């Protein structure tokens, strides 16, 4: 089996997969700060920050949030959001 070069575990990650990965970190009533770069590293992606940011932005529509930092490009490792699930 050939592993996906964009993931350490060989899984082909989609935006929806990343969305679910982030949601699994939520604890009801507890705020959580998510950094795109940290999620990117945790799941072993390479050059997929826009996909991680897209998942984070999708969650911003579902949960109360506060955008803490947004890079000039709008997407990157330093995109940070505080969620209130």
Protein backbone atom coordinates (compact mmCIF):
# COMPACT_ATOMS: atom_id res chain seq x y z
CA UNK A 1 0.00 0.00 0.00
CA UNK A 2 1.37 3.39 -0.99
CA UNK A 3 0.96 5.99 1.71
CA UNK A 4 -0.41 9.42 0.95
CA UNK A 5 2.55 11.83 1.01
CA UNK A 6 0.32 14.38 2.76
CA UNK A 7 -0.23 12.34 5.91
CA UNK A 8 1.98 10.45 8.32
CA UNK A 9 -0.59 7.68 8.75
CA UNK A 10 -1.44 7.32 5.06
CA UNK A 11 -5.00 8.61 5.45
CA UNK A 12 -6.24 10.88 2.70
CA UNK A 13 -7.60 13.79 4.75
CA UNK A 14 -10.50 15.89 3.52
CA UNK A 15 -11.79 19.16 4.93
CA UNK A 16 -14.67 17.23 6.51
CA UNK A 17 -12.22 14.79 8.13
CA UNK A 18 -10.27 17.69 9.62
CA UNK A 19 -13.53 19.29 10.75
CA UNK A 20 -14.44 16.09 12.64
CA UNK A 21 -10.91 15.82 14.08
CA UNK A 22 -11.23 19.33 15.52
CA UNK A 23 -14.77 18.70 16.82
CA UNK A 24 -13.44 15.68 18.74
CA UNK A 25 -11.26 18.09 20.72
CA UNK A 26 -14.30 20.05 21.93
CA UNK A 27 -15.68 19.70 25.43
CA UNK A 28 -19.11 21.27 25.88
CA UNK A 29 -18.90 24.53 27.78
CA UNK A 30 -15.09 24.74 27.64
CA UNK A 31 -13.42 27.22 25.32
CA UNK A 32 -10.63 25.87 23.16
CA UNK A 33 -7.97 27.65 21.15
CA UNK A 34 -7.12 25.98 17.85
CA UNK A 35 -4.06 26.86 15.78
CA UNK A 36 -3.98 25.78 12.15
CA UNK A 37 -0.29 24.92 12.39
CA UNK A 38 -0.83 22.67 15.40
CA UNK A 39 -3.67 20.72 13.73
CA UNK A 40 -1.62 20.48 10.54
CA UNK A 41 1.29 18.99 12.46
CA UNK A 42 -0.84 16.67 14.66
CA UNK A 43 -2.35 14.88 11.69
CA UNK A 44 0.86 14.89 9.67
CA UNK A 45 -0.12 17.01 6.70
CA UNK A 46 2.34 18.65 4.33
CA UNK A 47 1.51 21.97 2.66
CA UNK A 48 -2.20 21.75 3.46
CA UNK A 49 -2.72 24.80 5.68
CA UNK A 50 -5.51 26.18 3.43
CA UNK A 51 -7.47 22.93 3.91
CA UNK A 52 -7.05 23.11 7.69
CA UNK A 53 -8.08 26.78 7.70
CA UNK A 54 -11.15 25.95 5.61
CA UNK A 55 -12.20 23.35 8.18
CA UNK A 56 -11.65 25.84 10.99
CA UNK A 57 -13.69 28.51 9.17
CA UNK A 58 -16.52 26.01 8.62
CA UNK A 59 -16.61 25.39 12.38
CA UNK A 60 -16.73 29.14 12.95
CA UNK A 61 -20.19 29.07 11.33
CA UNK A 62 -21.36 26.29 13.67
CA UNK A 63 -19.93 27.38 17.03
CA UNK A 64 -19.53 30.74 18.78
CA UNK A 65 -15.96 31.86 18.24
CA UNK A 66 -13.42 34.59 18.35
CA UNK A 67 -10.79 34.91 15.66
CA UNK A 68 -7.53 35.55 17.45
CA UNK A 69 -5.09 35.78 14.56
CA UNK A 70 -5.47 35.72 10.81
CA UNK A 71 -2.39 35.89 8.58
CA UNK A 72 -2.33 38.45 5.77
CA UNK A 73 -3.04 35.71 3.23
CA UNK A 74 -6.06 34.66 5.30
CA UNK A 75 -4.78 31.10 5.57
CA UNK A 76 -1.65 29.71 7.14
CA UNK A 77 -0.03 28.13 10.16
CA UNK A 78 -0.72 31.16 12.33
CA UNK A 79 -4.50 31.18 11.81
CA UNK A 80 -5.88 30.90 15.36
CA UNK A 81 -9.48 30.67 16.53
CA UNK A 82 -10.96 30.41 20.02
CA UNK A 83 -14.15 28.33 20.00
CA UNK A 84 -16.87 28.17 22.64
CA UNK A 85 -18.58 24.77 22.05
